[in-house]
Amino acid sequence: MAIPDTAIPIFTAGRSAEVGKAVKERLLPEYDVIHLSLSIESVKEDLPRILHGEHVVPSSGLGSNLDRPADAQKLPKLLVVGGGFSAEEYEDMKKSIDLTAGGKLTGGKIPVWVKRNVGEGTPKGPDGKPIDIKLPSGKFSPAFVNIIIANVKAKLDEAARESGLI
């Protein structure tokens, strides 16, 4: 699917490339995952460079900026951190990264961290019954991935409205 110009660019951090790929594909056409980092270290290394306008190849291999030339890279408007990271790790990322890119970005160009919504315990499906996170094959269950995507979309929509992006 071609990415529409109206898609809001987002930077994502998660522990699973499998889930990240599903999120990237299913958030379109509203949101464009420009970069997926899979560790705290890569977030701390990659995000500041992206905000400075550098072409950064994600170690995950996922992100639409991979398909753009260096002079057409998109900057994120929203920053999403998945539930695979602890609250402490999330706070560490937030506190350690200068979102102004050293004063280069101001006002509406400064991206916004999306408030996390990490569930407690075993996830439940729409029927209220517990669902398996992983299948016997080791892959994440489609039901679990659907819950993640629905939660991420709801949080992105809320943040985009609050930021005046939609």
C-alpha atoms as a PDB file:
ATOM      1  CA  MET A   1       0.000   0.000   0.000  1.00  0.00           C
ATOM      2  CA  ALA A   2       1.317   3.427  -0.905  1.00  0.00           C
ATOM      3  CA  ILE A   3       1.713   5.768   2.043  1.00  0.00           C
ATOM      4  CA  PRO A   4      -0.530   8.811   1.691  1.00  0.00           C
ATOM      5  CA  ASP A   5       0.939  12.260   2.319  1.00  0.00           C
ATOM      6  CA  THR A   6      -1.684  12.739   5.029  1.00  0.00           C
ATOM      7  CA  ALA A   7      -0.359   9.829   7.129  1.00  0.00           C
ATOM      8  CA  ILE A   8       1.063  11.038  10.447  1.00  0.00           C
ATOM      9  CA  PRO A   9       4.705   9.924  10.780  1.00  0.00           C
ATOM     10  CA  ILE A  10       5.508   8.001  13.967  1.00  0.00           C
ATOM     11  CA  PHE A  11       8.644   6.557  15.546  1.00  0.00           C
ATOM     12  CA  THR A  12       8.040   3.244  17.315  1.00  0.00           C
ATOM     13  CA  ALA A  13       9.969   1.174  19.821  1.00  0.00           C
ATOM     14  CA  GLY A  14       9.040  -2.398  20.579  1.00  0.00           C
ATOM     15  CA  ARG A  15      10.628  -5.678  21.544  1.00  0.00           C
ATOM     16  CA  SER A  16       9.265  -7.705  18.613  1.00  0.00           C
ATOM     17  CA  ALA A  17       9.897  -7.139  14.912  1.00  0.00           C
ATOM     18  CA  GLU A  18       6.989  -9.519  14.220  1.00  0.00           C
ATOM     19  CA  VAL A  19       4.517  -7.322  16.118  1.00  0.00           C
ATOM     20  CA  GLY A  20       6.177  -4.147  14.810  1.00  0.00           C
ATOM     21  CA  LYS A  21       5.654  -5.266  11.220  1.00  0.00           C
ATOM     22  CA  ALA A  22       1.952  -5.922  11.870  1.00  0.00           C
ATOM     23  CA  VAL A  23       1.585  -2.539  13.578  1.00  0.00           C
ATOM     24  CA  LYS A  24       3.346  -0.798  10.661  1.00  0.00           C
ATOM     25  CA  GLU A  25       1.090  -2.440   8.076  1.00  0.00           C
ATOM     26  CA  ARG A  26      -2.186  -2.045   9.922  1.00  0.00           C
ATOM     27  CA  LEU A  27      -1.859   1.552  11.076  1.00  0.00           C
ATOM     28  CA  LEU A  28      -1.888   2.741   7.481  1.00  0.00           C
ATOM     29  CA  PRO A  29      -3.321   4.916   5.993  1.00  0.00           C
ATOM     30  CA  GLU A  30      -3.666   7.105   9.117  1.00  0.00           C
ATOM     31  CA  TYR A  31      -0.186   6.556  10.559  1.00  0.00           C
ATOM     32  CA  ASP A  32       3.183   6.003   8.894  1.00  0.00           C
ATOM     33  CA  VAL A  33       5.719   4.048  10.973  1.00  0.00           C
ATOM     34  CA  ILE A  34       8.907   5.719   9.778  1.00  0.00           C
ATOM     35  CA  HIS A  35      11.251   3.770  12.095  1.00  0.00           C
ATOM     36  CA  LEU A  36      11.095   0.798  14.487  1.00  0.00           C
ATOM     37  CA  SER A  37      13.736   0.379  17.191  1.00  0.00           C
ATOM     38  CA  LEU A  38      13.916  -2.904  19.088  1.00  0.00           C
ATOM     39  CA  SER A  39      16.008  -1.890  22.101  1.00  0.00           C
ATOM     40  CA  ILE A  40      16.500   0.991  24.499  1.00  0.00           C
ATOM     41  CA  GLU A  41      19.991   1.467  23.137  1.00  0.00           C
ATOM     42  CA  SER A  42      18.790   1.815  19.555  1.00  0.00           C
ATOM     43  CA  VAL A  43      16.087   4.301  20.609  1.00  0.00           C
ATOM     44  CA  LYS A  44      18.683   6.416  22.406  1.00  0.00           C
ATOM     45  CA  GLU A  45      21.030   6.215  19.434  1.00  0.00           C
ATOM     46  CA  ASP A  46      18.571   6.447  16.519  1.00  0.00           C
ATOM     47  CA  LEU A  47      15.914   8.940  17.634  1.00  0.00           C
ATOM     48  CA  PRO A  48      18.238  11.916  18.249  1.00  0.00           C
ATOM     49  CA  ARG A  49      19.913  11.323  14.887  1.00  0.00           C
ATOM     50  CA  ILE A  50      16.535  11.139  13.109  1.00  0.00           C
ATOM     51  CA  LEU A  51      15.461  14.391  14.787  1.00  0.00           C
ATOM     52  CA  HIS A  52      18.676  16.005  13.513  1.00  0.00           C
ATOM     53  CA  GLY A  53      17.611  15.016   9.988  1.00  0.00           C
ATOM     54  CA  GLU A  54      20.087  12.168   9.483  1.00  0.00           C
ATOM     55  CA  HIS A  55      19.264   9.101   7.429  1.00  0.00           C
ATOM     56  CA  VAL A  56      19.177   6.283   9.989  1.00  0.00           C
ATOM     57  CA  VAL A  57      18.763   2.659   8.992  1.00  0.00           C
ATOM     58  CA  PRO A  58      16.812   0.849  11.715  1.00  0.00           C
ATOM     59  CA  SER A  59      18.397  -2.357  12.938  1.00  0.00           C
ATOM     60  CA  SER A  60      14.897  -3.875  12.770  1.00  0.00           C
ATOM     61  CA  GLY A  61      14.794  -3.280   9.015  1.00  0.00           C
ATOM     62  CA  LEU A  62      11.347  -1.733   9.475  1.00  0.00           C
ATOM     63  CA  GLY A  63      10.286   1.813   8.737  1.00  0.00           C
ATOM     64  CA  SER A  64       9.120   3.760   5.721  1.00  0.00           C
ATOM     65  CA  ASN A  65      12.146   6.067   5.862  1.00  0.00           C
ATOM     66  CA  LEU A  66      14.123   3.103   4.523  1.00  0.00           C
ATOM     67  CA  ASP A  67      12.389   3.664   1.194  1.00  0.00           C
ATOM     68  CA  ARG A  68      13.034   7.408   1.105  1.00  0.00           C
ATOM     69  CA  PRO A  69      16.180   9.175  -0.055  1.00  0.00           C
ATOM     70  CA  ALA A  70      18.106  11.064   2.633  1.00  0.00           C
ATOM     71  CA  ASP A  71      16.629  14.419   1.583  1.00  0.00           C
ATOM     72  CA  ALA A  72      13.045  13.107   1.837  1.00  0.00           C
ATOM     73  CA  GLN A  73      13.205  11.578   5.315  1.00  0.00           C
ATOM     74  CA  LYS A  74      10.159  12.248   7.475  1.00  0.00           C
ATOM     75  CA  LEU A  75      10.452  13.403  11.064  1.00  0.00           C
ATOM     76  CA  PRO A  76       8.134  11.770  13.600  1.00  0.00           C
ATOM     77  CA  LYS A  77       5.202  13.687  15.045  1.00  0.00           C
ATOM     78  CA  LEU A  78       4.414  11.003  17.637  1.00  0.00           C
ATOM     79  CA  LEU A  79       6.655   8.575  19.554  1.00  0.00           C
ATOM     80  CA  VAL A  80       5.286   5.182  20.610  1.00  0.00           C
ATOM     81  CA  VAL A  81       6.898   2.738  23.031  1.00  0.00           C
ATOM     82  CA  GLY A  82       5.453  -0.765  23.279  1.00  0.00           C
ATOM     83  CA  GLY A  83       4.561  -2.745  26.368  1.00  0.00           C
ATOM     84  CA  GLY A  84       7.663  -4.918  26.045  1.00  0.00           C
ATOM     85  CA  PHE A  85       9.538  -2.107  27.770  1.00  0.00           C
ATOM     86  CA  SER A  86       9.020  -1.474  31.474  1.00  0.00           C
ATOM     87  CA  ALA A  87       7.678   1.805  32.843  1.00  0.00           C
ATOM     88  CA  GLU A  88      11.198   2.572  34.094  1.00  0.00           C
ATOM     89  CA  GLU A  89      12.711   1.934  30.654  1.00  0.00           C
ATOM     90  CA  TYR A  90      10.058   4.166  29.062  1.00  0.00           C
ATOM     91  CA  GLU A  91      10.817   6.970  31.534  1.00  0.00           C
ATOM     92  CA  ASP A  92      14.551   6.524  30.920  1.00  0.00           C
ATOM     93  CA  MET A  93      14.014   6.936  27.171  1.00  0.00           C
ATOM     94  CA  LYS A  94      11.844  10.018  27.698  1.00  0.00           C
ATOM     95  CA  LYS A  95      14.318  11.690  30.029  1.00  0.00           C
ATOM     96  CA  SER A  96      17.442  10.920  28.010  1.00  0.00           C
ATOM     97  CA  ILE A  97      16.412  12.246  24.594  1.00  0.00           C
ATOM     98  CA  ASP A  98      16.318  15.922  23.673  1.00  0.00           C
ATOM     99  CA  LEU A  99      13.274  16.123  21.414  1.00  0.00           C
ATOM    100  CA  THR A 100      14.214  19.623  20.279  1.00  0.00           C
ATOM    101  CA  ALA A 101      17.258  18.140  18.492  1.00  0.00           C
ATOM    102  CA  GLY A 102      19.480  20.611  20.265  1.00  0.00           C
ATOM    103  CA  GLY A 103      17.175  23.523  19.522  1.00  0.00           C
ATOM    104  CA  LYS A 104      16.585  22.693  15.844  1.00  0.00           C
ATOM    105  CA  LEU A 105      12.942  21.762  16.389  1.00  0.00           C
ATOM    106  CA  THR A 106      10.373  24.040  17.992  1.00  0.00           C
ATOM    107  CA  GLY A 107       6.626  24.226  18.475  1.00  0.00           C
ATOM    108  CA  GLY A 108       4.612  21.690  16.503  1.00  0.00           C
ATOM    109  CA  LYS A 109       7.760  20.153  15.036  1.00  0.00           C
ATOM    110  CA  ILE A 110       8.738  18.660  18.400  1.00  0.00           C
ATOM    111  CA  PRO A 111       7.342  15.115  18.532  1.00  0.00           C
ATOM    112  CA  VAL A 112       5.105  13.995  21.396  1.00  0.00           C
ATOM    113  CA  TRP A 113       5.497  10.847  23.478  1.00  0.00           C
ATOM    114  CA  VAL A 114       2.272   8.843  23.312  1.00  0.00           C
ATOM    115  CA  LYS A 115       0.937   7.887  26.725  1.00  0.00           C
ATOM    116  CA  ARG A 116       1.345   4.171  27.260  1.00  0.00           C
ATOM    117  CA  ASN A 117      -1.540   1.840  28.011  1.00  0.00           C
ATOM    118  CA  VAL A 118       0.037  -1.344  29.291  1.00  0.00           C
ATOM    119  CA  GLY A 119      -2.414  -3.963  30.484  1.00  0.00           C
ATOM    120  CA  GLU A 120      -1.989  -5.975  33.665  1.00  0.00           C
ATOM    121  CA  GLY A 121      -1.857  -9.736  33.660  1.00  0.00           C
ATOM    122  CA  THR A 122      -3.124 -12.025  30.917  1.00  0.00           C
ATOM    123  CA  PRO A 123      -4.742 -10.189  27.984  1.00  0.00           C
ATOM    124  CA  LYS A 124      -8.418 -10.840  27.395  1.00  0.00           C
ATOM    125  CA  GLY A 125     -10.325 -11.007  24.132  1.00  0.00           C
ATOM    126  CA  PRO A 126     -13.591  -9.164  23.360  1.00  0.00           C
ATOM    127  CA  ASP A 127     -15.489 -11.986  25.049  1.00  0.00           C
ATOM    128  CA  GLY A 128     -13.553 -11.404  28.301  1.00  0.00           C
ATOM    129  CA  LYS A 129     -11.779 -14.753  28.111  1.00  0.00           C
ATOM    130  CA  PRO A 130      -7.989 -14.927  28.462  1.00  0.00           C
ATOM    131  CA  ILE A 131      -6.087 -15.272  25.203  1.00  0.00           C
ATOM    132  CA  ASP A 132      -2.723 -16.825  24.550  1.00  0.00           C
ATOM    133  CA  ILE A 133       0.021 -14.354  23.787  1.00  0.00           C
ATOM    134  CA  LYS A 134       2.012 -16.861  21.764  1.00  0.00           C
ATOM    135  CA  LEU A 135       1.087 -19.850  19.674  1.00  0.00           C
ATOM    136  CA  PRO A 136       2.823 -23.238  20.063  1.00  0.00           C
ATOM    137  CA  SER A 137       4.980 -22.233  17.064  1.00  0.00           C
ATOM    138  CA  GLY A 138       6.376 -19.330  19.106  1.00  0.00           C
ATOM    139  CA  LYS A 139       4.689 -16.675  16.969  1.00  0.00           C
ATOM    140  CA  PHE A 140       2.425 -14.124  18.602  1.00  0.00           C
ATOM    141  CA  SER A 141      -1.233 -15.069  18.412  1.00  0.00           C
ATOM    142  CA  PRO A 142      -3.315 -13.014  15.960  1.00  0.00           C
ATOM    143  CA  ALA A 143      -5.789 -12.209  18.758  1.00  0.00           C
ATOM    144  CA  PHE A 144      -2.999 -10.726  20.880  1.00  0.00           C
ATOM    145  CA  VAL A 145      -1.623  -8.715  17.940  1.00  0.00           C
ATOM    146  CA  ASN A 146      -5.143  -7.396  17.252  1.00  0.00           C
ATOM    147  CA  ILE A 147      -5.405  -6.174  20.853  1.00  0.00           C
ATOM    148  CA  ILE A 148      -2.027  -4.454  20.611  1.00  0.00           C
ATOM    149  CA  ILE A 149      -2.949  -2.731  17.352  1.00  0.00           C
ATOM    150  CA  ALA A 150      -6.352  -1.600  18.669  1.00  0.00           C
ATOM    151  CA  ASN A 151      -4.692  -0.157  21.803  1.00  0.00           C
ATOM    152  CA  VAL A 152      -1.941   1.581  19.838  1.00  0.00           C
ATOM    153  CA  LYS A 153      -4.448   3.047  17.366  1.00  0.00           C
ATOM    154  CA  ALA A 154      -6.663   4.364  20.175  1.00  0.00           C
ATOM    155  CA  LYS A 155      -3.690   5.981  21.929  1.00  0.00           C
ATOM    156  CA  LEU A 156      -2.374   7.454  18.668  1.00  0.00           C
ATOM    157  CA  ASP A 157      -5.790   8.895  17.826  1.00  0.00           C
ATOM    158  CA  GLU A 158      -6.018  10.467  21.285  1.00  0.00           C
ATOM    159  CA  ALA A 159      -2.505  11.944  21.080  1.00  0.00           C
ATOM    160  CA  ALA A 160      -3.053  13.173  17.504  1.00  0.00           C
ATOM    161  CA  ARG A 161      -6.267  14.949  18.534  1.00  0.00           C
ATOM    162  CA  GLU A 162      -4.606  16.509  21.595  1.00  0.00           C
ATOM    163  CA  SER A 163      -1.685  17.666  19.422  1.00  0.00           C
ATOM    164  CA  GLY A 164      -3.963  19.125  16.731  1.00  0.00           C
ATOM    165  CA  LEU A 165      -2.724  16.663  14.107  1.00  0.00           C
ATOM    166  CA  ILE A 166      -6.258  15.477  13.277  1.00  0.00           C
END
